[in-house]
Amino acid sequence: MKDKYSSSNFDTSIDAAQYGDGQQKFINSKADMELFDEAKAAPATVFRVKRMSSATKGERWRILENEELKFILEGSKLSKKECMFLRTVEGVNFLVAEFKIGFKSFNELRSRLKQKI
C-alpha cells in the first residue's frame, strides 16, 4: 500500500527557467516609483496647546501651530470657572477646535467659551 505522504507522490524537480537562477537582482520599474508623489505628500498641520503657570503672571495658554506661536490666552482675563474648564482635556480640545475655525478677537473667543460652559 502506498503512503500518501511518501516522496514518490510529489514532484521535487525544480525548473530553473520557471523560478529564475536566484542571481537576478530586483529592478524597480518606473510604475513602482510613480506610486508615491512627494509633491502631493504635504505634512499635516500640528496644533498644540501649552498651559504655563507662574506665580507673578498667573496662567497662560499658548496655542502653537507647527511649533510657531500663534496666540496667547491670558488667564488673568478669564474667570475661575473658565480657567478650570480650560485645564481639562475638553478645554484643550475646545481651544484647538476654535483656533482651527478661527476667531477675530479675544472677546469672540470668550463668548464662545461662555456658551460652551
PDB file of N, CA and C in Angstrom:
ATOM      1  N   MET A   1       0.836  -1.178   0.000  1.00  0.00           N
ATOM      2  CA  MET A   1       0.000   0.000   0.000  1.00  0.00           C
ATOM      3  C   MET A   1       0.883   1.244   0.000  1.00  0.00           C
ATOM      4  N   LYS A   2       0.515   2.211  -0.842  1.00  0.00           N
ATOM      5  CA  LYS A   2       1.296   3.436  -0.957  1.00  0.00           C
ATOM      6  C   LYS A   2       0.870   4.415   0.132  1.00  0.00           C
ATOM      7  N   ASP A   3       1.850   5.066   0.686  1.00  0.00           N
ATOM      8  CA  ASP A   3       1.583   6.118   1.670  1.00  0.00           C
ATOM      9  C   ASP A   3       1.369   7.426   0.915  1.00  0.00           C
ATOM     10  N   LYS A   4       0.326   8.140   1.269  1.00  0.00           N
ATOM     11  CA  LYS A   4       0.038   9.366   0.515  1.00  0.00           C
ATOM     12  C   LYS A   4       1.046  10.480   0.779  1.00  0.00           C
ATOM     13  N   TYR A   5       1.833  10.337   1.834  1.00  0.00           N
ATOM     14  CA  TYR A   5       2.834  11.354   2.142  1.00  0.00           C
ATOM     15  C   TYR A   5       4.242  10.962   1.717  1.00  0.00           C
ATOM     16  N   SER A   6       4.378   9.925   1.001  1.00  0.00           N
ATOM     17  CA  SER A   6       5.706   9.499   0.587  1.00  0.00           C
ATOM     18  C   SER A   6       6.242  10.451  -0.470  1.00  0.00           C
ATOM     19  N   SER A   7       7.534  10.493  -0.601  1.00  0.00           N
ATOM     20  CA  SER A   7       8.170  11.420  -1.537  1.00  0.00           C
ATOM     21  C   SER A   7       7.919  11.054  -2.985  1.00  0.00           C
ATOM     22  N   SER A   8       7.463   9.862  -3.242  1.00  0.00           N
ATOM     23  CA  SER A   8       7.227   9.461  -4.621  1.00  0.00           C
ATOM     24  C   SER A   8       5.981  10.145  -5.200  1.00  0.00           C
ATOM     25  N   ASN A   9       5.112  10.681  -4.343  1.00  0.00           N
ATOM     26  CA  ASN A   9       3.903  11.340  -4.822  1.00  0.00           C
ATOM     27  C   ASN A   9       4.136  12.803  -5.216  1.00  0.00           C
ATOM     28  N   PHE A  10       5.225  13.390  -4.762  1.00  0.00           N
ATOM     29  CA  PHE A  10       5.479  14.805  -5.008  1.00  0.00           C
ATOM     30  C   PHE A  10       6.562  14.985  -6.061  1.00  0.00           C
ATOM     31  N   ASP A  11       6.383  15.998  -6.896  1.00  0.00           N
ATOM     32  CA  ASP A  11       7.375  16.310  -7.910  1.00  0.00           C
ATOM     33  C   ASP A  11       8.385  17.263  -7.283  1.00  0.00           C
ATOM     34  N   THR A  12       9.589  16.810  -7.099  1.00  0.00           N
ATOM     35  CA  THR A  12      10.615  17.623  -6.446  1.00  0.00           C
ATOM     36  C   THR A  12      11.560  18.286  -7.423  1.00  0.00           C
ATOM     37  N   SER A  13      11.360  18.097  -8.675  1.00  0.00           N
ATOM     38  CA  SER A  13      12.248  18.722  -9.657  1.00  0.00           C
ATOM     39  C   SER A  13      11.878  20.193  -9.810  1.00  0.00           C
ATOM     40  N   ILE A  14      12.868  21.046  -9.862  1.00  0.00           N
ATOM     41  CA  ILE A  14      12.655  22.489  -9.966  1.00  0.00           C
ATOM     42  C   ILE A  14      13.100  22.932 -11.344  1.00  0.00           C
ATOM     43  N   ASP A  15      12.242  23.648 -11.994  1.00  0.00           N
ATOM     44  CA  ASP A  15      12.547  24.164 -13.316  1.00  0.00           C
ATOM     45  C   ASP A  15      13.256  25.510 -13.143  1.00  0.00           C
ATOM     46  N   ALA A  16      14.497  25.608 -13.571  1.00  0.00           N
ATOM     47  CA  ALA A  16      15.283  26.828 -13.404  1.00  0.00           C
ATOM     48  C   ALA A  16      14.705  27.980 -14.206  1.00  0.00           C
ATOM     49  N   ALA A  17      14.105  27.705 -15.329  1.00  0.00           N
ATOM     50  CA  ALA A  17      13.529  28.767 -16.154  1.00  0.00           C
ATOM     51  C   ALA A  17      12.283  29.363 -15.496  1.00  0.00           C
ATOM     52  N   GLN A  18      11.589  28.528 -14.730  1.00  0.00           N
ATOM     53  CA  GLN A  18      10.358  28.992 -14.094  1.00  0.00           C
ATOM     54  C   GLN A  18      10.659  29.902 -12.896  1.00  0.00           C
ATOM     55  N   TYR A  19      11.650  29.577 -12.101  1.00  0.00           N
ATOM     56  CA  TYR A  19      11.935  30.316 -10.880  1.00  0.00           C
ATOM     57  C   TYR A  19      13.123  31.257 -10.994  1.00  0.00           C
ATOM     58  N   GLY A  20      13.815  31.255 -12.085  1.00  0.00           N
ATOM     59  CA  GLY A  20      14.990  32.098 -12.234  1.00  0.00           C
ATOM     60  C   GLY A  20      16.208  31.423 -11.651  1.00  0.00           C
ATOM     61  N   ASP A  21      17.345  32.009 -11.825  1.00  0.00           N
ATOM     62  CA  ASP A  21      18.569  31.386 -11.348  1.00  0.00           C
ATOM     63  C   ASP A  21      18.945  31.824  -9.935  1.00  0.00           C
ATOM     64  N   GLY A  22      18.203  32.735  -9.328  1.00  0.00           N
ATOM     65  CA  GLY A  22      18.499  33.171  -7.976  1.00  0.00           C
ATOM     66  C   GLY A  22      19.518  34.283  -7.910  1.00  0.00           C
ATOM     67  N   GLN A  23      20.207  34.561  -8.978  1.00  0.00           N
ATOM     68  CA  GLN A  23      21.224  35.600  -9.021  1.00  0.00           C
ATOM     69  C   GLN A  23      20.678  36.918  -9.545  1.00  0.00           C
ATOM     70  N   GLN A  24      19.450  36.904  -9.995  1.00  0.00           N
ATOM     71  CA  GLN A  24      18.857  38.090 -10.605  1.00  0.00           C
ATOM     72  C   GLN A  24      18.523  39.124  -9.532  1.00  0.00           C
ATOM     73  N   LYS A  25      18.877  40.375  -9.764  1.00  0.00           N
ATOM     74  CA  LYS A  25      18.565  41.457  -8.842  1.00  0.00           C
ATOM     75  C   LYS A  25      17.225  42.061  -9.218  1.00  0.00           C
ATOM     76  N   PHE A  26      16.531  42.558  -8.221  1.00  0.00           N
ATOM     77  CA  PHE A  26      15.239  43.164  -8.475  1.00  0.00           C
ATOM     78  C   PHE A  26      15.438  44.605  -8.910  1.00  0.00           C
ATOM     79  N   ILE A  27      14.842  44.965  -9.989  1.00  0.00           N
ATOM     80  CA  ILE A  27      14.952  46.313 -10.536  1.00  0.00           C
ATOM     81  C   ILE A  27      13.589  46.979 -10.401  1.00  0.00           C
ATOM     82  N   ASN A  28      13.571  48.141  -9.773  1.00  0.00           N
ATOM     83  CA  ASN A  28      12.318  48.868  -9.628  1.00  0.00           C
ATOM     84  C   ASN A  28      11.897  49.428 -10.975  1.00  0.00           C
ATOM     85  N   SER A  29      10.701  49.159 -11.308  1.00  0.00           N
ATOM     86  CA  SER A  29      10.204  49.688 -12.571  1.00  0.00           C
ATOM     87  C   SER A  29       9.717  51.121 -12.369  1.00  0.00           C
ATOM     88  N   LYS A  30       9.511  51.805 -13.440  1.00  0.00           N
ATOM     89  CA  LYS A  30       9.042  53.189 -13.387  1.00  0.00           C
ATOM     90  C   LYS A  30       7.652  53.260 -12.772  1.00  0.00           C
ATOM     91  N   ALA A  31       6.836  52.256 -13.015  1.00  0.00           N
ATOM     92  CA  ALA A  31       5.477  52.231 -12.470  1.00  0.00           C
ATOM     93  C   ALA A  31       5.507  52.142 -10.945  1.00  0.00           C
ATOM     94  N   ASP A  32       6.448  51.395 -10.379  1.00  0.00           N
ATOM     95  CA  ASP A  32       6.551  51.289  -8.929  1.00  0.00           C
ATOM     96  C   ASP A  32       6.969  52.612  -8.303  1.00  0.00           C
ATOM     97  N   MET A  33       7.814  53.346  -8.963  1.00  0.00           N
ATOM     98  CA  MET A  33       8.299  54.603  -8.417  1.00  0.00           C
ATOM     99  C   MET A  33       7.268  55.722  -8.532  1.00  0.00           C
ATOM    100  N   GLU A  34       6.306  55.589  -9.404  1.00  0.00           N
ATOM    101  CA  GLU A  34       5.297  56.627  -9.589  1.00  0.00           C
ATOM    102  C   GLU A  34       4.145  56.525  -8.594  1.00  0.00           C
ATOM    103  N   LEU A  35       4.132  55.500  -7.774  1.00  0.00           N
ATOM    104  CA  LEU A  35       3.041  55.351  -6.816  1.00  0.00           C
ATOM    105  C   LEU A  35       3.083  56.422  -5.734  1.00  0.00           C
ATOM    106  N   PHE A  36       4.249  56.887  -5.361  1.00  0.00           N
ATOM    107  CA  PHE A  36       4.392  57.893  -4.317  1.00  0.00           C
ATOM    108  C   PHE A  36       4.829  59.206  -4.951  1.00  0.00           C
ATOM    109  N   ASP A  37       4.051  60.240  -4.724  1.00  0.00           N
ATOM    110  CA  ASP A  37       4.367  61.558  -5.269  1.00  0.00           C
ATOM    111  C   ASP A  37       4.705  62.483  -4.104  1.00  0.00           C
ATOM    112  N   GLU A  38       5.951  62.913  -4.010  1.00  0.00           N
ATOM    113  CA  GLU A  38       6.384  63.741  -2.893  1.00  0.00           C
ATOM    114  C   GLU A  38       5.748  65.122  -2.904  1.00  0.00           C
ATOM    115  N   ALA A  39       5.387  65.607  -4.063  1.00  0.00           N
ATOM    116  CA  ALA A  39       4.769  66.933  -4.148  1.00  0.00           C
ATOM    117  C   ALA A  39       3.383  66.929  -3.512  1.00  0.00           C
ATOM    118  N   LYS A  40       2.683  65.814  -3.611  1.00  0.00           N
ATOM    119  CA  LYS A  40       1.334  65.728  -3.036  1.00  0.00           C
ATOM    120  C   LYS A  40       1.361  65.379  -1.550  1.00  0.00           C
ATOM    121  N   ALA A  41       2.459  64.891  -1.057  1.00  0.00           N
ATOM    122  CA  ALA A  41       2.568  64.448   0.325  1.00  0.00           C
ATOM    123  C   ALA A  41       2.967  65.618   1.218  1.00  0.00           C
ATOM    124  N   ALA A  42       2.014  66.468   1.526  1.00  0.00           N
ATOM    125  CA  ALA A  42       2.268  67.604   2.410  1.00  0.00           C
ATOM    126  C   ALA A  42       2.085  67.158   3.857  1.00  0.00           C
ATOM    127  N   PRO A  43       2.947  67.581   4.757  1.00  0.00           N
ATOM    128  CA  PRO A  43       2.785  67.183   6.158  1.00  0.00           C
ATOM    129  C   PRO A  43       1.552  67.827   6.772  1.00  0.00           C
ATOM    130  N   ALA A  44       0.944  67.128   7.693  1.00  0.00           N
ATOM    131  CA  ALA A  44      -0.259  67.637   8.355  1.00  0.00           C
ATOM    132  C   ALA A  44       0.109  68.749   9.327  1.00  0.00           C
ATOM    133  N   THR A  45      -0.796  69.683   9.487  1.00  0.00           N
ATOM    134  CA  THR A  45      -0.590  70.783  10.423  1.00  0.00           C
ATOM    135  C   THR A  45      -0.808  70.270  11.842  1.00  0.00           C
ATOM    136  N   VAL A  46       0.104  70.607  12.726  1.00  0.00           N
ATOM    137  CA  VAL A  46       0.037  70.162  14.117  1.00  0.00           C
ATOM    138  C   VAL A  46      -0.300  71.353  14.989  1.00  0.00           C
ATOM    139  N   PHE A  47      -1.373  71.215  15.780  1.00  0.00           N
ATOM    140  CA  PHE A  47      -1.775  72.248  16.731  1.00  0.00           C
ATOM    141  C   PHE A  47      -1.497  71.733  18.133  1.00  0.00           C
ATOM    142  N   ARG A  48      -0.924  72.604  18.959  1.00  0.00           N
ATOM    143  CA  ARG A  48      -0.651  72.243  20.349  1.00  0.00           C
ATOM    144  C   ARG A  48      -1.084  73.375  21.256  1.00  0.00           C
ATOM    145  N   VAL A  49      -1.471  73.005  22.464  1.00  0.00           N
ATOM    146  CA  VAL A  49      -1.823  73.982  23.487  1.00  0.00           C
ATOM    147  C   VAL A  49      -0.946  73.699  24.699  1.00  0.00           C
ATOM    148  N   LYS A  50      -0.238  74.727  25.150  1.00  0.00           N
ATOM    149  CA  LYS A  50       0.601  74.596  26.346  1.00  0.00           C
ATOM    150  C   LYS A  50       0.047  75.505  27.434  1.00  0.00           C
ATOM    151  N   ARG A  51      -0.103  74.947  28.613  1.00  0.00           N
ATOM    152  CA  ARG A  51      -0.535  75.745  29.752  1.00  0.00           C
ATOM    153  C   ARG A  51       0.699  76.090  30.568  1.00  0.00           C
ATOM    154  N   MET A  52       0.911  77.379  30.753  1.00  0.00           N
ATOM    155  CA  MET A  52       2.048  77.861  31.515  1.00  0.00           C
ATOM    156  C   MET A  52       1.511  78.575  32.754  1.00  0.00           C
ATOM    157  N   SER A  53       2.089  78.291  33.895  1.00  0.00           N
ATOM    158  CA  SER A  53       1.674  79.000  35.103  1.00  0.00           C
ATOM    159  C   SER A  53       2.901  79.565  35.797  1.00  0.00           C
ATOM    160  N   SER A  54       2.752  80.768  36.287  1.00  0.00           N
ATOM    161  CA  SER A  54       3.828  81.401  37.045  1.00  0.00           C
ATOM    162  C   SER A  54       3.201  82.127  38.234  1.00  0.00           C
ATOM    163  N   ALA A  55       4.001  82.383  39.231  1.00  0.00           N
ATOM    164  CA  ALA A  55       3.499  82.995  40.452  1.00  0.00           C
ATOM    165  C   ALA A  55       3.115  84.457  40.224  1.00  0.00           C
ATOM    166  N   THR A  56       3.811  85.146  39.357  1.00  0.00           N
ATOM    167  CA  THR A  56       3.554  86.572  39.185  1.00  0.00           C
ATOM    168  C   THR A  56       2.523  86.870  38.101  1.00  0.00           C
ATOM    169  N   LYS A  57       2.526  86.132  37.012  1.00  0.00           N
ATOM    170  CA  LYS A  57       1.651  86.452  35.890  1.00  0.00           C
ATOM    171  C   LYS A  57       0.403  85.576  35.822  1.00  0.00           C
ATOM    172  N   GLY A  58       0.292  84.574  36.672  1.00  0.00           N
ATOM    173  CA  GLY A  58      -0.865  83.693  36.631  1.00  0.00           C
ATOM    174  C   GLY A  58      -0.717  82.645  35.540  1.00  0.00           C
ATOM    175  N   GLU A  59      -1.863  82.212  35.013  1.00  0.00           N
ATOM    176  CA  GLU A  59      -1.849  81.173  33.983  1.00  0.00           C
ATOM    177  C   GLU A  59      -1.910  81.776  32.584  1.00  0.00           C
ATOM    178  N   ARG A  60      -1.305  81.058  31.649  1.00  0.00           N
ATOM    179  CA  ARG A  60      -1.372  81.418  30.231  1.00  0.00           C
ATOM    180  C   ARG A  60      -1.528  80.140  29.432  1.00  0.00           C
ATOM    181  N   TRP A  61      -2.257  80.240  28.343  1.00  0.00           N
ATOM    182  CA  TRP A  61      -2.377  79.140  27.398  1.00  0.00           C
ATOM    183  C   TRP A  61      -1.772  79.612  26.081  1.00  0.00           C
ATOM    184  N   ARG A  62      -0.797  78.892  25.612  1.00  0.00           N
ATOM    185  CA  ARG A  62      -0.152  79.232  24.346  1.00  0.00           C
ATOM    186  C   ARG A  62      -0.638  78.259  23.282  1.00  0.00           C
ATOM    187  N   ILE A  63      -1.097  78.785  22.171  1.00  0.00           N
ATOM    188  CA  ILE A  63      -1.553  77.973  21.055  1.00  0.00           C
ATOM    189  C   ILE A  63      -0.474  78.025  19.982  1.00  0.00           C
ATOM    190  N   LEU A  64       0.042  76.844  19.630  1.00  0.00           N
ATOM    191  CA  LEU A  64       1.127  76.735  18.666  1.00  0.00           C
ATOM    192  C   LEU A  64       0.647  75.977  17.433  1.00  0.00           C
ATOM    193  N   GLU A  65       1.094  76.444  16.286  1.00  0.00           N
ATOM    194  CA  GLU A  65       0.819  75.764  15.026  1.00  0.00           C
ATOM    195  C   GLU A  65       2.156  75.438  14.380  1.00  0.00           C
ATOM    196  N   ASN A  66       2.470  74.147  14.263  1.00  0.00           N
ATOM    197  CA  ASN A  66       3.761  73.691  13.726  1.00  0.00           C
ATOM    198  C   ASN A  66       4.927  74.352  14.447  1.00  0.00           C
ATOM    199  N   GLU A  67       4.911  74.326  15.759  1.00  0.00           N
ATOM    200  CA  GLU A  67       5.968  74.877  16.620  1.00  0.00           C
ATOM    201  C   GLU A  67       6.093  76.395  16.526  1.00  0.00           C
ATOM    202  N   GLU A  68       5.130  77.065  15.941  1.00  0.00           N
ATOM    203  CA  GLU A  68       5.156  78.519  15.820  1.00  0.00           C
ATOM    204  C   GLU A  68       4.045  79.097  16.698  1.00  0.00           C
ATOM    205  N   LEU A  69       4.377  80.032  17.568  1.00  0.00           N
ATOM    206  CA  LEU A  69       3.411  80.632  18.472  1.00  0.00           C
ATOM    207  C   LEU A  69       2.416  81.479  17.694  1.00  0.00           C
ATOM    208  N   LYS A  70       1.122  81.179  17.878  1.00  0.00           N
ATOM    209  CA  LYS A  70       0.079  81.895  17.148  1.00  0.00           C
ATOM    210  C   LYS A  70      -0.774  82.776  18.053  1.00  0.00           C
ATOM    211  N   PHE A  71      -1.018  82.336  19.292  1.00  0.00           N
ATOM    212  CA  PHE A  71      -1.914  83.094  20.164  1.00  0.00           C
ATOM    213  C   PHE A  71      -1.576  82.790  21.619  1.00  0.00           C
ATOM    214  N   ILE A  72      -1.676  83.817  22.470  1.00  0.00           N
ATOM    215  CA  ILE A  72      -1.501  83.650  23.913  1.00  0.00           C
ATOM    216  C   ILE A  72      -2.791  84.074  24.583  1.00  0.00           C
ATOM    217  N   LEU A  73      -3.330  83.189  25.397  1.00  0.00           N
ATOM    218  CA  LEU A  73      -4.565  83.453  26.133  1.00  0.00           C
ATOM    219  C   LEU A  73      -4.207  83.691  27.594  1.00  0.00           C
ATOM    220  N   GLU A  74      -4.450  84.891  28.066  1.00  0.00           N
ATOM    221  CA  GLU A  74      -4.105  85.264  29.435  1.00  0.00           C
ATOM    222  C   GLU A  74      -5.175  84.765  30.401  1.00  0.00           C
ATOM    223  N   GLY A  75      -4.753  84.034  31.423  1.00  0.00           N
ATOM    224  CA  GLY A  75      -5.686  83.521  32.421  1.00  0.00           C
ATOM    225  C   GLY A  75      -6.217  84.597  33.348  1.00  0.00           C
ATOM    226  N   SER A  76      -5.495  85.713  33.466  1.00  0.00           N
ATOM    227  CA  SER A  76      -5.947  86.796  34.351  1.00  0.00           C
ATOM    228  C   SER A  76      -7.184  87.496  33.789  1.00  0.00           C
ATOM    229  N   LYS A  77      -7.451  87.334  32.502  1.00  0.00           N
ATOM    230  CA  LYS A  77      -8.620  87.950  31.872  1.00  0.00           C
ATOM    231  C   LYS A  77      -9.839  87.035  31.876  1.00  0.00           C
ATOM    232  N   LEU A  78      -9.685  85.825  32.431  1.00  0.00           N
ATOM    233  CA  LEU A  78     -10.770  84.853  32.466  1.00  0.00           C
ATOM    234  C   LEU A  78     -11.254  84.641  33.895  1.00  0.00           C
ATOM    235  N   SER A  79     -12.467  84.148  34.025  1.00  0.00           N
ATOM    236  CA  SER A  79     -12.993  83.831  35.352  1.00  0.00           C
ATOM    237  C   SER A  79     -12.422  82.497  35.827  1.00  0.00           C
ATOM    238  N   LYS A  80     -12.616  82.190  37.112  1.00  0.00           N
ATOM    239  CA  LYS A  80     -12.101  80.942  37.665  1.00  0.00           C
ATOM    240  C   LYS A  80     -12.764  79.734  37.006  1.00  0.00           C
ATOM    241  N   LYS A  81     -14.043  79.854  36.721  1.00  0.00           N
ATOM    242  CA  LYS A  81     -14.773  78.762  36.098  1.00  0.00           C
ATOM    243  C   LYS A  81     -14.239  78.483  34.683  1.00  0.00           C
ATOM    244  N   GLU A  82     -13.941  79.527  33.949  1.00  0.00           N
ATOM    245  CA  GLU A  82     -13.387  79.371  32.604  1.00  0.00           C
ATOM    246  C   GLU A  82     -11.985  78.765  32.655  1.00  0.00           C
ATOM    247  N   CYS A  83     -11.177  79.209  33.618  1.00  0.00           N
ATOM    248  CA  CYS A  83      -9.823  78.658  33.768  1.00  0.00           C
ATOM    249  C   CYS A  83      -9.872  77.176  34.141  1.00  0.00           C
ATOM    250  N   MET A  84     -10.796  76.818  35.016  1.00  0.00           N
ATOM    251  CA  MET A  84     -10.925  75.415  35.407  1.00  0.00           C
ATOM    252  C   MET A  84     -11.326  74.551  34.207  1.00  0.00           C
ATOM    253  N   PHE A  85     -12.212  75.085  33.353  1.00  0.00           N
ATOM    254  CA  PHE A  85     -12.620  74.348  32.165  1.00  0.00           C
ATOM    255  C   PHE A  85     -11.450  74.174  31.199  1.00  0.00           C
ATOM    256  N   LEU A  86     -10.638  75.213  31.024  1.00  0.00           N
ATOM    257  CA  LEU A  86      -9.516  75.141  30.086  1.00  0.00           C
ATOM    258  C   LEU A  86      -8.405  74.217  30.569  1.00  0.00           C
ATOM    259  N   ARG A  87      -8.373  73.904  31.857  1.00  0.00           N
ATOM    260  CA  ARG A  87      -7.382  72.974  32.391  1.00  0.00           C
ATOM    261  C   ARG A  87      -7.710  71.528  32.042  1.00  0.00           C
ATOM    262  N   THR A  88      -8.947  71.242  31.683  1.00  0.00           N
ATOM    263  CA  THR A  88      -9.363  69.880  31.360  1.00  0.00           C
ATOM    264  C   THR A  88      -9.021  69.540  29.907  1.00  0.00           C
ATOM    265  N   VAL A  89      -9.169  68.270  29.576  1.00  0.00           N
ATOM    266  CA  VAL A  89      -8.918  67.818  28.203  1.00  0.00           C
ATOM    267  C   VAL A  89      -9.958  68.420  27.265  1.00  0.00           C
ATOM    268  N   GLU A  90     -11.198  68.514  27.725  1.00  0.00           N
ATOM    269  CA  GLU A  90     -12.247  69.137  26.910  1.00  0.00           C
ATOM    270  C   GLU A  90     -11.917  70.593  26.605  1.00  0.00           C
ATOM    271  N   GLY A  91     -11.335  71.289  27.558  1.00  0.00           N
ATOM    272  CA  GLY A  91     -10.951  72.678  27.353  1.00  0.00           C
ATOM    273  C   GLY A  91      -9.853  72.831  26.321  1.00  0.00           C
ATOM    274  N   VAL A  92      -8.871  71.952  26.370  1.00  0.00           N
ATOM    275  CA  VAL A  92      -7.783  71.991  25.389  1.00  0.00           C
ATOM    276  C   VAL A  92      -8.334  71.671  24.004  1.00  0.00           C
ATOM    277  N   ASN A  93      -9.197  70.659  23.917  1.00  0.00           N
ATOM    278  CA  ASN A  93      -9.816  70.325  22.630  1.00  0.00           C
ATOM    279  C   ASN A  93     -10.661  71.484  22.113  1.00  0.00           C
ATOM    280  N   PHE A  94     -11.324  72.191  23.018  1.00  0.00           N
ATOM    281  CA  PHE A  94     -12.115  73.364  22.634  1.00  0.00           C
ATOM    282  C   PHE A  94     -11.217  74.445  22.036  1.00  0.00           C
ATOM    283  N   LEU A  95     -10.081  74.713  22.685  1.00  0.00           N
ATOM    284  CA  LEU A  95      -9.159  75.739  22.175  1.00  0.00           C
ATOM    285  C   LEU A  95      -8.614  75.372  20.787  1.00  0.00           C
ATOM    286  N   VAL A  96      -8.260  74.110  20.595  1.00  0.00           N
ATOM    287  CA  VAL A  96      -7.740  73.685  19.293  1.00  0.00           C
ATOM    288  C   VAL A  96      -8.819  73.802  18.221  1.00  0.00           C
ATOM    289  N   ALA A  97     -10.049  73.367  18.556  1.00  0.00           N
ATOM    290  CA  ALA A  97     -11.142  73.443  17.583  1.00  0.00           C
ATOM    291  C   ALA A  97     -11.466  74.888  17.227  1.00  0.00           C
ATOM    292  N   GLU A  98     -11.493  75.769  18.205  1.00  0.00           N
ATOM    293  CA  GLU A  98     -11.787  77.182  17.933  1.00  0.00           C
ATOM    294  C   GLU A  98     -10.671  77.836  17.135  1.00  0.00           C
ATOM    295  N   PHE A  99      -9.438  77.435  17.397  1.00  0.00           N
ATOM    296  CA  PHE A  99      -8.337  78.008  16.636  1.00  0.00           C
ATOM    297  C   PHE A  99      -8.385  77.552  15.185  1.00  0.00           C
ATOM    298  N   LYS A 100      -8.782  76.295  14.950  1.00  0.00           N
ATOM    299  CA  LYS A 100      -8.907  75.801  13.577  1.00  0.00           C
ATOM    300  C   LYS A 100     -10.010  76.541  12.831  1.00  0.00           C
ATOM    301  N   ILE A 101     -11.132  76.804  13.528  1.00  0.00           N
ATOM    302  CA  ILE A 101     -12.236  77.547  12.916  1.00  0.00           C
ATOM    303  C   ILE A 101     -11.812  78.986  12.669  1.00  0.00           C
ATOM    304  N   GLY A 102     -11.158  79.556  13.660  1.00  0.00           N
ATOM    305  CA  GLY A 102     -10.689  80.938  13.563  1.00  0.00           C
ATOM    306  C   GLY A 102     -11.579  81.868  14.362  1.00  0.00           C
ATOM    307  N   PHE A 103     -10.974  82.788  15.040  1.00  0.00           N
ATOM    308  CA  PHE A 103     -11.706  83.818  15.775  1.00  0.00           C
ATOM    309  C   PHE A 103     -10.992  85.142  15.583  1.00  0.00           C
ATOM    310  N   LYS A 104     -11.773  86.213  15.626  1.00  0.00           N
ATOM    311  CA  LYS A 104     -11.227  87.533  15.307  1.00  0.00           C
ATOM    312  C   LYS A 104     -10.605  88.215  16.520  1.00  0.00           C
ATOM    313  N   SER A 105     -11.192  87.984  17.684  1.00  0.00           N
ATOM    314  CA  SER A 105     -10.706  88.693  18.858  1.00  0.00           C
ATOM    315  C   SER A 105     -10.841  87.815  20.098  1.00  0.00           C
ATOM    316  N   PHE A 106     -10.251  88.299  21.175  1.00  0.00           N
ATOM    317  CA  PHE A 106     -10.349  87.619  22.461  1.00  0.00           C
ATOM    318  C   PHE A 106     -11.792  87.593  22.950  1.00  0.00           C
ATOM    319  N   ASN A 107     -12.520  88.681  22.727  1.00  0.00           N
ATOM    320  CA  ASN A 107     -13.913  88.745  23.186  1.00  0.00           C
ATOM    321  C   ASN A 107     -14.784  87.704  22.486  1.00  0.00           C
ATOM    322  N   GLU A 108     -14.545  87.465  21.214  1.00  0.00           N
ATOM    323  CA  GLU A 108     -15.305  86.447  20.486  1.00  0.00           C
ATOM    324  C   GLU A 108     -15.003  85.053  21.044  1.00  0.00           C
ATOM    325  N   LEU A 109     -13.732  84.787  21.337  1.00  0.00           N
ATOM    326  CA  LEU A 109     -13.356  83.505  21.930  1.00  0.00           C
ATOM    327  C   LEU A 109     -13.985  83.338  23.308  1.00  0.00           C
ATOM    328  N   ARG A 110     -13.986  84.397  24.079  1.00  0.00           N
ATOM    329  CA  ARG A 110     -14.550  84.319  25.426  1.00  0.00           C
ATOM    330  C   ARG A 110     -16.063  84.096  25.386  1.00  0.00           C
ATOM    331  N   SER A 111     -16.762  84.725  24.437  1.00  0.00           N
ATOM    332  CA  SER A 111     -18.210  84.499  24.340  1.00  0.00           C
ATOM    333  C   SER A 111     -18.506  83.059  23.924  1.00  0.00           C
ATOM    334  N   ARG A 112     -17.698  82.470  23.035  1.00  0.00           N
ATOM    335  CA  ARG A 112     -17.870  81.069  22.664  1.00  0.00           C
ATOM    336  C   ARG A 112     -17.569  80.148  23.841  1.00  0.00           C
ATOM    337  N   LEU A 113     -16.578  80.540  24.653  1.00  0.00           N
ATOM    338  CA  LEU A 113     -16.234  79.768  25.838  1.00  0.00           C
ATOM    339  C   LEU A 113     -17.378  79.782  26.845  1.00  0.00           C
ATOM    340  N   LYS A 114     -18.022  80.927  27.020  1.00  0.00           N
ATOM    341  CA  LYS A 114     -19.172  81.008  27.935  1.00  0.00           C
ATOM    342  C   LYS A 114     -20.328  80.165  27.449  1.00  0.00           C
ATOM    343  N   GLN A 115     -20.545  80.109  26.127  1.00  0.00           N
ATOM    344  CA  GLN A 115     -21.609  79.261  25.585  1.00  0.00           C
ATOM    345  C   GLN A 115     -21.293  77.780  25.816  1.00  0.00           C
ATOM    346  N   LYS A 116     -20.033  77.423  25.740  1.00  0.00           N
ATOM    347  CA  LYS A 116     -19.623  76.025  25.918  1.00  0.00           C
ATOM    348  C   LYS A 116     -19.820  75.568  27.352  1.00  0.00           C
ATOM    349  N   ILE A 117     -19.525  76.461  28.301  1.00  0.00           N
ATOM    350  CA  ILE A 117     -19.648  76.109  29.725  1.00  0.00           C
ATOM    351  C   ILE A 117     -21.109  76.192  30.082  1.00  0.00           C
TER     352      ILE A 117
END
